[in-house]
Amino acid sequence: MEFAELIKTPRADNVVLHRPFYLAVEGTCLTGHHLIFSSRRQDNAEELWLLHSNIDSIEKRFVGSLGTIIIKCKDLRIIQLDIPGMEECLNIASSIETLSTLDSVTLMYPFFYRPMFEIVEDGWRSFLPDQEFELLSSVTDEWRLSCINKEFSVCPSYPPVVVVPKSIDDEALRKVAMFRHGSRFPVLSYYHKKNGMVMMRSSQPLTGTNGRRCKEDEKLINATLRPGKRGYIIDTRSLNVAQQARAKGGGFEQEAHYPQWRRIHKCIERFNILQESLIKLVEACNDQSHNMDRWLSKLEASNWLTHIKEILTAACLAAQCIDREGASVLVHGTEGTDSTLQVTSLAQIILDPRCRTIRGFESLVVREWLQAGHPFQQRCAQSAYSNSKQKWEAPVFLLFLDCVWQILRQFPCSFEFNEQFLIMLFEHAYASQFGTFLGNNENERSKLKLPQKTMSLWSWVNRSEELSKFQNPLFEANSLVIWPSVAPQSLQLWEGVFLRWNRPSKFLDEAHEEMINIIKYNKELQAKVNALRRQLAEMETDDRMQENL
């Protein structure tokens, strides 16, 4: 079916738009790749462009011939359209429902989007594995790039190129892949320059009830250990869940076969538990009728901050093993595409100052989420308002961004990017005109020919006029490891995401503007001080020369 055939009523007049922080306004509603609203007022024409992929659910109400459509968005906004005429209202609602749940990825807006800005950088080529490997090979020669997965023939959810120990050949990797869930064999996630320790990630081993073993797997992960050193396996499942997995052919590394490794279970919840947590949290945030006790009890019942604490605790443990214990780490859960990536990427933010810069963080998202096979298309198919039955949806990436915000709040001068940068990534992961977050892995993106047919988010973000919006004015490069507190008192609700449509940010914006002005004035004064010091030093030098004459 052609895209245009999905639209029953392309235009409706005399529509009234209600949205947060704006007065109700009358205008024309158009349906295309966006839901477009344009006001009639010539003096101050108001427009709303809403991507259909950003629509999570809609509700229809009728009073006489006047119809109302309530649109609930994946970015947590709620918008209301009052449409005269029942038939028009039903047609527009039907079109919105169809266009917001397209089965075909190639009918989505990124395939039709044509940028209006000058492209100075091809974001699809910004963070290639070869470039990242160059940085690694400048500090160690113990690793190599393997093209074993060139045609995605060994592991469908891995990228074509992975970093593995130099001492392990491709034939051994094939055997290890057959021993790991989804063929996700252990690969390098991070190399700690300070002491040469590493963090690897994989999926669970397929030990089963018979305690199956794979000597190539044992050799691979042992290749990361220094002589006489132990390593740590951080399993993101509870011991009980890991043991139950054996009955289904999965399991965990047996101590008898991995004697140099100590296994630690750090339970991080998955799938529907996380999705229900998000739904409860957003419901609590949207209910303005709460008294204090009810609000606190609903916030606690959502368990959102508990999930944040669990993830940060596991990430801190991984970082501690590497930096303080001087031990290498292997992280996995079941598939190795969700909680595993939360832990490995957060540990790198704690350990590596580069990951706290804008480009370093972008590189981290590409490496540890996009290339590592986090299924964005499945996980971000629905947000907090969807009425349809959950399948694979879970706010895994949003939880990761929330954890980063918690660390940013505790170390406000150590990050080059600001909160708006994280919010922007949240929005684009769920709905975007760019192709970056489409598909569930590199294999799918390759088949869809996304680099040829869509624009990369990084091409837009990394333009100087956009970057300025995402830069943290307080940033001072910090080369140290930063250790966030995971005490309950230290963790807060991320108001910038969960409360931004419930209360105006005018005063916060004004305070932020004032802070930028103060910092700018401080820099000007610092420059004057430096100039005066140079002048004074020159005068003192001249005086000494005069005395010597």
Protein backbone atom coordinates (compact mmCIF):
# COMPACT_ATOMS: atom_id res chain seq x y z
CA MET A 1 0.00 0.00 0.00
CA GLU A 2 1.25 3.50 -0.87
CA PHE A 3 1.81 5.96 1.99
CA ALA A 4 -0.85 8.39 0.68
CA GLU A 5 -3.50 5.64 0.71
CA LEU A 6 -3.18 5.39 4.50
CA ILE A 7 -4.47 8.97 4.92
CA LYS A 8 -8.28 9.20 4.93
CA THR A 9 -8.62 12.94 5.64
CA PRO A 10 -5.49 14.91 4.72
CA ARG A 11 -6.86 18.26 6.00
CA ALA A 12 -9.31 19.54 8.60
CA ASP A 13 -10.17 23.20 9.34
CA ASN A 14 -11.43 24.90 12.51
CA VAL A 15 -9.46 22.51 14.70
CA VAL A 16 -8.56 23.68 18.23
CA LEU A 17 -5.17 22.62 19.64
CA HIS A 18 -4.52 22.27 23.38
CA ARG A 19 -0.94 21.56 24.53
CA PRO A 20 1.18 22.13 27.65
CA PHE A 21 2.17 25.77 28.43
CA TYR A 22 0.30 27.26 25.42
CA LEU A 23 -3.12 28.87 25.13
CA ALA A 24 -5.68 26.94 23.07
CA VAL A 25 -5.46 28.01 19.43
CA GLU A 26 -7.66 27.41 16.36
CA GLY A 27 -6.23 26.41 13.00
CA THR A 28 -5.81 23.79 10.30
CA CYS A 29 -4.72 20.19 10.90
CA LEU A 30 -2.81 18.39 8.12
CA THR A 31 -1.89 14.70 8.01
CA GLY A 32 1.25 13.57 6.17
CA HIS A 33 4.50 12.14 7.46
CA HIS A 34 3.87 14.49 10.39
CA LEU A 35 0.70 15.55 12.09
CA ILE A 36 0.89 19.27 11.31
CA PHE A 37 -1.14 22.00 12.99
CA SER A 38 -1.00 25.58 11.71
CA SER A 39 -2.87 28.41 13.42
CA ARG A 40 -4.88 31.02 11.57
CA ARG A 41 -3.37 33.96 13.41
CA GLN A 42 -1.26 36.03 11.02
CA ASP A 43 0.37 38.09 13.79
CA ASN A 44 1.79 35.09 15.61
CA ALA A 45 1.30 31.96 13.54
CA GLU A 46 1.77 28.90 15.74
CA GLU A 47 2.82 25.59 14.27
CA LEU A 48 3.15 22.08 15.62
CA TRP A 49 4.97 19.34 13.70
CA LEU A 50 4.55 15.97 15.35
CA LEU A 51 6.16 12.84 13.92
CA HIS A 52 3.65 9.99 13.71
CA SER A 53 6.28 7.66 15.15
CA ASN A 54 6.24 9.84 18.30
CA ILE A 55 2.58 8.95 18.95
CA ASP A 56 2.20 6.26 21.61
CA SER A 57 -1.58 6.10 21.83
CA ILE A 58 -4.73 8.10 21.06
CA GLU A 59 -8.13 8.41 22.72
CA LYS A 60 -11.35 9.58 21.02
CA ARG A 61 -14.22 11.39 22.74
CA PHE A 62 -17.43 12.87 21.32
CA VAL A 63 -19.88 15.52 22.57
CA GLY A 64 -22.59 15.90 19.94
CA SER A 65 -20.88 16.49 16.59
CA LEU A 66 -17.66 17.77 18.21
CA GLY A 67 -14.92 15.17 18.38
CA THR A 68 -11.81 15.25 20.57
CA ILE A 69 -8.60 13.32 19.94
CA ILE A 70 -6.18 13.06 22.87
CA ILE A 71 -2.70 12.23 21.59
CA LYS A 72 -0.21 10.74 24.05
CA CYS A 73 3.37 10.92 22.83
CA LYS A 74 6.44 8.76 23.40
CA ASP A 75 8.29 11.87 24.69
CA LEU A 76 5.55 11.91 27.42
CA ARG A 77 3.67 14.97 26.05
CA ILE A 78 -0.14 14.95 25.93
CA ILE A 79 -1.85 16.97 23.17
CA GLN A 80 -5.56 17.47 22.52
CA LEU A 81 -7.27 18.27 19.19
CA ASP A 82 -10.94 19.41 19.10
CA ILE A 83 -12.30 18.60 15.61
CA PRO A 84 -15.76 19.67 14.38
CA GLY A 85 -17.58 16.83 12.61
CA MET A 86 -17.68 13.23 13.79
CA GLU A 87 -16.66 11.72 10.45
CA GLU A 88 -13.63 13.99 10.06
CA CYS A 89 -12.57 13.23 13.63
CA LEU A 90 -12.89 9.46 13.13
CA ASN A 91 -10.98 9.61 9.82
CA ILE A 92 -8.11 11.64 11.31
CA ALA A 93 -7.96 9.35 14.36
CA SER A 94 -7.89 6.27 12.11
CA SER A 95 -5.11 7.76 9.94
CA ILE A 96 -3.05 8.70 13.02
CA GLU A 97 -3.43 5.18 14.47
CA THR A 98 -2.36 3.57 11.19
CA LEU A 99 0.57 5.94 10.56
CA SER A 100 1.88 5.67 14.13
CA THR A 101 2.03 1.85 13.98
CA LEU A 102 3.49 1.20 10.52
CA ASP A 103 4.71 -2.36 10.03
CA SER A 104 7.09 -1.41 7.23
CA VAL A 105 10.22 0.39 8.44
CA THR A 106 10.82 1.79 4.93
CA LEU A 107 7.55 3.77 5.12
CA MET A 108 8.88 5.65 8.17
CA TYR A 109 9.84 9.31 7.91
CA PRO A 110 13.67 8.89 7.97
CA PHE A 111 13.42 7.39 4.45
CA PHE A 112 11.66 10.53 3.18
CA TYR A 113 13.47 13.19 5.23
CA ARG A 114 15.68 15.60 3.29
CA PRO A 115 17.84 17.85 5.49
CA MET A 116 17.64 21.62 5.12
CA PHE A 117 21.10 22.12 6.66
CA GLU A 118 24.53 21.85 5.09
CA ILE A 119 26.09 18.43 5.77
CA VAL A 120 29.68 18.95 6.98
CA GLU A 121 30.16 15.47 8.45
CA ASP A 122 28.78 12.08 7.42
CA GLY A 123 27.63 10.77 10.80
CA TRP A 124 27.44 7.21 9.45
CA ARG A 125 31.24 7.27 9.10
CA SER A 126 32.01 9.18 12.30
CA PHE A 127 32.65 6.23 14.63
CA LEU A 128 33.87 3.30 12.54
CA PRO A 129 35.48 0.32 14.39
CA ASP A 130 38.79 0.87 12.54
CA GLN A 131 39.06 4.41 13.96
CA GLU A 132 38.30 3.21 17.49
CA PHE A 133 40.81 0.36 17.11
CA GLU A 134 43.55 2.84 16.15
CA LEU A 135 43.20 4.43 19.59
CA LEU A 136 43.48 1.00 21.23
CA SER A 137 46.48 -0.16 19.17
CA SER A 138 48.38 2.99 20.17
CA VAL A 139 48.50 1.71 23.79
CA THR A 140 48.51 -2.12 23.43
CA ASP A 141 49.28 -4.77 20.80
CA GLU A 142 47.47 -7.64 22.53
CA TRP A 143 44.21 -7.26 20.57
CA ARG A 144 43.13 -7.57 16.96
CA LEU A 145 40.21 -6.70 14.72
CA SER A 146 38.43 -9.84 13.57
CA CYS A 147 36.26 -9.79 10.44
CA ILE A 148 34.81 -13.22 11.26
CA ASN A 149 31.28 -11.75 11.24
CA LYS A 150 31.73 -9.98 7.90
CA GLU A 151 28.46 -11.24 6.41
CA PHE A 152 26.76 -11.47 9.85
CA SER A 153 27.14 -15.23 9.36
CA VAL A 154 28.49 -16.07 12.84
CA CYS A 155 26.39 -13.74 15.04
CA PRO A 156 23.38 -11.90 13.55
CA SER A 157 23.34 -9.26 16.33
CA TYR A 158 27.08 -8.40 16.29
CA PRO A 159 28.72 -5.89 13.93
CA PRO A 160 30.87 -7.20 11.01
CA VAL A 161 34.09 -6.32 12.87
CA VAL A 162 34.86 -7.07 16.55
CA VAL A 163 37.91 -6.72 18.82
CA VAL A 164 39.24 -9.98 20.31
CA PRO A 165 42.51 -11.18 21.93
CA LYS A 166 45.29 -11.54 19.34
CA SER A 167 46.08 -15.04 20.64
CA ILE A 168 42.61 -16.37 19.66
CA ASP A 169 42.10 -17.27 15.99
CA ASP A 170 38.81 -17.12 14.04
CA GLU A 171 38.32 -20.89 14.10
CA ALA A 172 38.31 -20.82 17.91
CA LEU A 173 35.85 -17.88 17.82
CA ARG A 174 33.42 -19.97 15.74
CA LYS A 175 33.47 -22.70 18.39
CA VAL A 176 32.97 -20.15 21.19
CA ALA A 177 30.04 -18.60 19.28
CA MET A 178 28.29 -22.00 19.26
CA PHE A 179 28.72 -22.13 23.06
CA ARG A 180 27.15 -18.70 23.72
CA HIS A 181 23.46 -17.67 23.59
CA GLY A 182 22.66 -16.05 20.22
CA SER A 183 26.32 -16.69 19.24
CA ARG A 184 27.39 -13.60 21.18
CA PHE A 185 30.93 -14.69 22.07
CA PRO A 186 33.05 -12.51 24.45
CA VAL A 187 34.40 -9.35 22.78
CA LEU A 188 36.34 -6.35 24.07
CA SER A 189 34.23 -3.55 25.49
CA TYR A 190 36.87 -1.37 27.20
CA TYR A 191 40.64 -1.23 27.79
CA HIS A 192 41.78 0.61 30.94
CA LYS A 193 45.00 2.46 30.00
CA LYS A 194 45.98 3.02 33.61
CA ASN A 195 46.67 -0.67 34.36
CA GLY A 196 45.93 -2.62 31.15
CA MET A 197 42.84 -4.33 32.62
CA VAL A 198 39.89 -4.95 30.30
CA MET A 199 36.13 -5.32 30.31
CA MET A 200 34.54 -7.83 27.94
CA ARG A 201 30.88 -8.56 27.26
CA SER A 202 28.97 -11.53 25.90
CA SER A 203 25.77 -13.54 26.38
CA GLN A 204 25.28 -16.47 28.78
CA PRO A 205 27.17 -19.73 28.12
CA LEU A 206 25.06 -22.69 26.95
CA THR A 207 26.12 -25.05 29.74
CA GLY A 208 22.67 -26.61 30.21
CA THR A 209 21.84 -29.17 32.86
CA ASN A 210 24.74 -31.43 31.82
CA GLY A 211 27.39 -28.79 32.60
CA ARG A 212 28.60 -28.60 29.00
CA ARG A 213 31.98 -26.88 28.55
CA CYS A 214 33.96 -25.25 25.73
CA LYS A 215 37.75 -25.16 26.08
CA GLU A 216 38.03 -22.42 23.42
CA ASP A 217 35.68 -20.24 25.50
CA GLU A 218 37.81 -20.83 28.60
CA LYS A 219 40.96 -20.00 26.62
CA LEU A 220 39.41 -16.82 25.18
CA ILE A 221 38.45 -15.22 28.47
CA ASN A 222 41.63 -16.44 30.20
CA ALA A 223 43.61 -14.62 27.48
CA THR A 224 42.56 -11.35 29.13
CA LEU A 225 44.17 -12.22 32.49
CA ARG A 226 47.63 -11.17 33.64
CA PRO A 227 49.85 -13.98 35.13
CA GLY A 228 48.74 -14.78 38.69
CA LYS A 229 45.68 -12.48 38.45
CA ARG A 230 42.02 -13.34 38.92
CA GLY A 231 39.11 -11.99 36.93
CA TYR A 232 35.47 -11.24 37.77
CA ILE A 233 32.36 -12.38 35.90
CA ILE A 234 29.48 -10.01 36.62
CA ASP A 235 26.21 -11.78 35.83
CA THR A 236 23.29 -9.32 35.65
CA ARG A 237 20.80 -12.04 36.70
CA SER A 238 20.07 -13.31 40.18
CA LEU A 239 21.66 -16.67 41.03
CA ASN A 240 18.19 -18.23 41.03
CA VAL A 241 17.37 -16.98 37.50
CA ALA A 242 20.81 -18.07 36.24
CA GLN A 243 20.26 -21.56 37.66
CA GLN A 244 16.79 -21.77 36.13
CA ALA A 245 18.29 -20.85 32.74
CA ARG A 246 20.20 -24.16 32.74
CA ALA A 247 16.93 -26.04 32.29
CA LYS A 248 16.42 -24.12 29.01
CA GLY A 249 19.95 -24.84 27.78
CA GLY A 250 21.55 -21.67 29.18
CA GLY A 251 23.44 -21.23 32.43
CA PHE A 252 26.65 -19.74 33.79
CA GLU A 253 30.39 -20.39 33.91
CA GLN A 254 31.21 -23.37 36.16
CA GLU A 255 33.92 -22.60 38.73
CA ALA A 256 35.62 -25.93 38.00
CA HIS A 257 36.24 -24.86 34.40
CA TYR A 258 36.96 -21.17 35.13
CA PRO A 259 39.04 -21.42 38.33
CA GLN A 260 40.68 -18.01 37.86
CA TRP A 261 37.33 -16.24 37.66
CA ARG A 262 35.02 -15.24 40.50
CA ARG A 263 31.33 -14.96 39.56
CA ILE A 264 29.22 -12.20 41.11
CA HIS A 265 25.45 -11.97 40.55
CA LYS A 266 24.03 -8.42 40.37
CA CYS A 267 20.35 -8.68 39.53
CA ILE A 268 19.07 -6.07 37.07
CA GLU A 269 15.41 -6.34 36.02
CA ARG A 270 14.36 -6.75 32.38
CA PHE A 271 11.54 -6.36 29.85
CA ASN A 272 7.95 -6.08 31.19
CA ILE A 273 9.05 -5.28 34.76
CA LEU A 274 10.91 -2.19 33.48
CA GLN A 275 8.07 -1.22 31.13
CA GLU A 276 5.51 -1.43 33.94
CA SER A 277 7.84 0.62 36.14
CA LEU A 278 7.93 3.40 33.50
CA ILE A 279 4.13 3.32 33.09
CA LYS A 280 3.60 3.63 36.87
CA LEU A 281 6.16 6.44 37.17
CA VAL A 282 4.63 8.52 34.35
CA GLU A 283 1.14 7.93 35.73
CA ALA A 284 2.30 9.22 39.14
CA CYS A 285 3.99 12.27 37.57
CA ASN A 286 0.89 13.17 35.55
CA ASP A 287 -1.54 13.01 38.48
CA GLN A 288 -1.58 16.53 39.90
CA SER A 289 -4.11 15.69 42.62
CA HIS A 290 -1.68 13.86 44.92
CA ASN A 291 -0.98 14.90 48.47
CA MET A 292 2.63 14.41 49.60
CA ASP A 293 2.13 10.93 51.09
CA ARG A 294 0.33 9.61 48.01
CA TRP A 295 2.94 11.09 45.62
CA LEU A 296 5.86 9.57 47.56
CA SER A 297 4.13 6.21 47.85
CA LYS A 298 3.35 6.13 44.08
CA LEU A 299 6.92 7.15 43.25
CA GLU A 300 8.22 4.33 45.47
CA ALA A 301 5.71 1.82 44.04
CA SER A 302 6.99 2.49 40.51
CA ASN A 303 10.43 1.13 41.60
CA TRP A 304 12.09 3.36 38.96
CA LEU A 305 14.76 4.71 41.31
CA THR A 306 15.37 1.17 42.60
CA HIS A 307 16.20 0.09 39.04
CA ILE A 308 18.52 3.10 38.71
CA LYS A 309 20.28 2.08 41.93
CA GLU A 310 20.67 -1.56 40.80
CA ILE A 311 22.19 -0.57 37.44
CA LEU A 312 24.56 2.03 38.93
CA THR A 313 25.65 -0.41 41.66
CA ALA A 314 26.57 -3.07 39.08
CA ALA A 315 28.43 -0.47 36.95
CA CYS A 316 30.37 0.80 39.98
CA LEU A 317 31.29 -2.79 40.86
CA ALA A 318 32.65 -3.42 37.34
CA ALA A 319 34.64 -0.17 37.48
CA GLN A 320 35.95 -0.99 40.95
CA CYS A 321 37.16 -4.45 39.87
CA ILE A 322 39.07 -2.88 36.97
CA ASP A 323 40.49 0.26 38.59
CA ARG A 324 40.94 -0.68 42.26
CA GLU A 325 41.29 -4.46 42.19
CA GLY A 326 43.38 -4.45 39.02
CA ALA A 327 41.28 -7.29 37.59
CA SER A 328 39.68 -7.90 34.20
CA VAL A 329 35.90 -8.25 33.98
CA LEU A 330 33.41 -10.17 31.84
CA VAL A 331 29.81 -8.87 31.93
CA HIS A 332 26.77 -10.81 30.70
CA GLY A 333 23.15 -11.57 31.46
CA THR A 334 21.07 -13.78 29.22
CA GLU A 335 21.24 -12.28 25.71
CA GLY A 336 23.83 -9.60 26.49
CA THR A 337 21.85 -6.91 24.66
CA ASP A 338 20.24 -4.99 27.54
CA SER A 339 21.45 -4.94 31.17
CA THR A 340 24.92 -6.01 29.99
CA LEU A 341 25.20 -2.86 27.85
CA GLN A 342 23.90 -0.64 30.66
CA VAL A 343 26.69 -1.91 32.93
CA THR A 344 29.55 -1.80 30.39
CA SER A 345 28.70 1.69 29.12
CA LEU A 346 28.17 3.22 32.60
CA ALA A 347 31.42 1.65 33.86
CA GLN A 348 33.21 3.42 31.00
CA ILE A 349 31.66 6.77 31.95
CA ILE A 350 32.99 6.26 35.49
CA LEU A 351 36.47 5.19 34.32
CA ASP A 352 37.15 7.03 31.07
CA PRO A 353 37.16 10.86 30.85
CA ARG A 354 36.78 10.63 27.05
CA CYS A 355 33.29 9.16 27.49
CA ARG A 356 32.29 12.33 29.34
CA THR A 357 32.95 14.50 26.27
CA ILE A 358 30.28 14.98 23.58
CA ARG A 359 32.06 13.03 20.83
CA GLY A 360 33.30 10.42 23.31
CA PHE A 361 29.74 9.84 24.54
CA GLU A 362 28.42 9.62 20.97
CA SER A 363 31.13 7.04 20.25
CA LEU A 364 30.08 5.11 23.37
CA VAL A 365 26.42 5.02 22.24
CA VAL A 366 27.49 3.79 18.79
CA ARG A 367 29.90 1.14 20.14
CA GLU A 368 28.07 -0.14 23.19
CA TRP A 369 24.46 0.20 22.03
CA LEU A 370 24.05 0.45 18.25
CA GLN A 371 26.92 -1.77 17.08
CA ALA A 372 26.59 -4.05 20.13
CA GLY A 373 23.07 -5.00 19.03
CA HIS A 374 20.67 -3.35 21.48
CA PRO A 375 17.29 -3.90 19.75
CA PHE A 376 16.12 -0.27 19.63
CA GLN A 377 13.28 -0.99 17.19
CA GLN A 378 11.75 -3.52 19.61
CA ARG A 379 12.54 -1.81 22.92
CA CYS A 380 11.37 1.68 21.86
CA ALA A 381 8.27 0.59 19.89
CA GLN A 382 6.10 1.84 22.78
CA SER A 383 6.59 4.30 25.60
CA ALA A 384 4.52 4.87 28.77
CA TYR A 385 1.04 5.38 27.26
CA SER A 386 0.53 2.53 24.82
CA ASN A 387 -2.64 0.44 25.22
CA SER A 388 -1.46 -2.50 23.12
CA LYS A 389 -0.04 -5.61 24.73
CA GLN A 390 3.67 -5.40 25.51
CA LYS A 391 5.96 -7.70 23.58
CA TRP A 392 9.62 -6.70 23.72
CA GLU A 393 9.29 -3.08 24.84
CA ALA A 394 11.42 -1.87 27.75
CA PRO A 395 12.96 1.53 28.64
CA VAL A 396 16.48 0.06 28.81
CA PHE A 397 18.17 2.97 26.99
CA LEU A 398 16.13 5.57 28.92
CA LEU A 399 17.28 3.98 32.21
CA PHE A 400 20.88 4.20 30.98
CA LEU A 401 20.42 7.92 30.14
CA ASP A 402 18.80 8.47 33.55
CA CYS A 403 21.83 6.85 35.24
CA VAL A 404 24.13 9.16 33.24
CA TRP A 405 22.05 12.14 34.37
CA GLN A 406 22.39 11.00 38.02
CA ILE A 407 26.22 10.97 37.61
CA LEU A 408 26.15 14.31 35.74
CA ARG A 409 24.17 15.84 38.61
CA GLN A 410 26.74 14.57 41.15
CA PHE A 411 29.72 15.71 39.02
CA PRO A 412 28.39 18.83 37.24
CA CYS A 413 31.84 20.02 36.06
CA SER A 414 33.13 16.68 34.69
CA PHE A 415 30.86 16.39 31.63
CA GLU A 416 31.21 18.37 28.40
CA PHE A 417 27.52 17.81 27.59
CA ASN A 418 24.44 19.01 29.45
CA GLU A 419 21.07 17.54 30.38
CA GLN A 420 19.52 18.69 27.07
CA PHE A 421 21.93 16.41 25.20
CA LEU A 422 20.63 13.37 27.12
CA ILE A 423 16.98 14.41 26.62
CA MET A 424 17.65 14.81 22.88
CA LEU A 425 19.01 11.23 22.70
CA PHE A 426 15.95 9.93 24.58
CA GLU A 427 13.61 11.65 22.11
CA HIS A 428 15.44 10.43 18.99
CA ALA A 429 15.68 6.84 20.28
CA TYR A 430 11.86 6.73 20.37
CA ALA A 431 11.01 8.90 17.33
CA SER A 432 13.33 10.59 14.85
CA GLN A 433 13.70 11.98 11.34
CA PHE A 434 17.16 10.36 11.34
CA GLY A 435 17.92 6.68 10.66
CA THR A 436 20.43 6.17 13.49
CA PHE A 437 18.12 4.30 15.90
CA LEU A 438 16.13 2.35 13.29
CA GLY A 439 16.55 -1.44 13.24
CA ASN A 440 17.60 -3.80 16.02
CA ASN A 441 21.22 -4.38 15.02
CA GLU A 442 23.84 -3.64 12.35
CA ASN A 443 22.63 -6.58 10.29
CA GLU A 444 19.14 -5.07 9.94
CA ARG A 445 20.54 -1.59 9.28
CA SER A 446 22.74 -3.00 6.54
CA LYS A 447 19.77 -4.74 4.87
CA LEU A 448 17.72 -1.53 5.07
CA LYS A 449 20.69 0.39 3.54
CA LEU A 450 20.24 3.09 6.20
CA PRO A 451 23.61 4.83 5.57
CA GLN A 452 22.66 5.26 1.90
CA LYS A 453 18.96 6.06 2.34
CA THR A 454 18.74 8.02 5.62
CA MET A 455 20.55 10.80 7.42
CA SER A 456 22.58 10.12 10.59
CA LEU A 457 21.65 11.89 13.83
CA TRP A 458 25.36 12.71 14.35
CA SER A 459 25.46 14.68 11.05
CA TRP A 460 22.93 17.07 12.61
CA VAL A 461 24.15 17.08 16.24
CA ASN A 462 27.82 17.73 15.45
CA ARG A 463 27.22 21.00 13.60
CA SER A 464 28.57 23.93 15.60
CA GLU A 465 25.18 25.69 15.82
CA GLU A 466 23.59 22.57 17.37
CA LEU A 467 26.56 21.60 19.56
CA SER A 468 26.39 24.95 21.36
CA LYS A 469 22.93 23.96 22.74
CA PHE A 470 24.34 20.77 24.24
CA GLN A 471 27.56 22.11 25.80
CA ASN A 472 27.88 22.29 29.58
CA PRO A 473 29.11 25.78 30.57
CA LEU A 474 30.56 24.37 33.82
CA PHE A 475 32.76 21.78 32.08
CA GLU A 476 36.39 21.49 33.17
CA ALA A 477 38.22 18.43 31.82
CA ASN A 478 38.71 15.92 34.65
CA SER A 479 41.12 13.07 33.94
CA LEU A 480 40.24 11.21 37.16
CA VAL A 481 37.94 8.25 37.73
CA ILE A 482 34.65 9.54 39.19
CA TRP A 483 32.79 7.45 41.78
CA PRO A 484 29.05 8.26 41.95
CA SER A 485 27.11 7.71 45.15
CA VAL A 486 24.35 5.10 44.85
CA ALA A 487 22.89 5.82 48.29
CA PRO A 488 19.09 6.31 48.06
CA GLN A 489 19.48 9.91 49.29
CA SER A 490 21.77 10.66 46.32
CA LEU A 491 19.34 9.52 43.62
CA GLN A 492 16.64 11.87 42.38
CA LEU A 493 13.72 11.86 39.95
CA TRP A 494 14.84 13.15 36.54
CA GLU A 495 12.50 16.13 36.38
CA GLY A 496 13.83 17.24 32.98
CA VAL A 497 12.20 14.16 31.43
CA PHE A 498 9.37 13.13 33.71
CA LEU A 499 8.02 16.51 34.84
CA ARG A 500 8.87 18.78 31.91
CA TRP A 501 5.34 18.74 30.43
CA ASN A 502 3.69 19.15 33.85
CA ARG A 503 5.21 22.43 34.95
CA PRO A 504 6.78 25.36 33.11
CA SER A 505 10.57 25.61 33.04
CA LYS A 506 10.64 29.42 32.59
CA PHE A 507 12.39 30.14 35.89
CA LEU A 508 14.87 27.28 35.44
CA ASP A 509 15.66 28.59 31.95
CA GLU A 510 16.20 32.10 33.33
CA ALA A 511 18.47 30.73 36.08
CA HIS A 512 20.46 28.78 33.48
CA GLU A 513 20.80 31.89 31.31
CA GLU A 514 22.03 33.86 34.32
CA MET A 515 24.57 31.12 35.14
CA ILE A 516 25.94 31.27 31.57
CA ASN A 517 26.25 35.07 31.83
CA ILE A 518 28.11 34.78 35.16
CA ILE A 519 30.51 32.18 33.70
CA LYS A 520 31.08 34.36 30.61
CA TYR A 521 31.76 37.43 32.79
CA ASN A 522 34.09 35.34 34.99
CA LYS A 523 36.09 34.29 31.91
CA GLU A 524 36.36 37.92 30.77
CA LEU A 525 37.63 38.93 34.23
CA GLN A 526 40.08 35.98 34.22
CA ALA A 527 41.40 37.12 30.83
CA LYS A 528 41.90 40.65 32.21
CA VAL A 529 43.71 39.27 35.28
CA ASN A 530 46.03 37.22 33.05
CA ALA A 531 46.72 40.26 30.84
CA LEU A 532 47.50 42.42 33.90
CA ARG A 533 49.81 39.72 35.30
CA ARG A 534 51.72 39.59 32.01
CA GLN A 535 51.93 43.37 32.01
CA LEU A 536 53.21 43.38 35.61
CA ALA A 537 55.80 40.68 34.81
CA GLU A 538 57.02 42.73 31.81
CA MET A 539 57.29 45.88 33.97
CA GLU A 540 59.26 43.97 36.65
CA THR A 541 61.60 42.62 33.96
CA ASP A 542 62.09 46.15 32.59
CA ASP A 543 62.83 47.47 36.12
CA ARG A 544 65.49 44.78 36.68
CA MET A 545 67.12 45.59 33.36
CA GLN A 546 67.16 49.31 34.27
CA GLU A 547 68.80 48.49 37.63
CA ASN A 548 71.48 46.41 35.91
CA LEU A 549 72.40 49.25 33.56
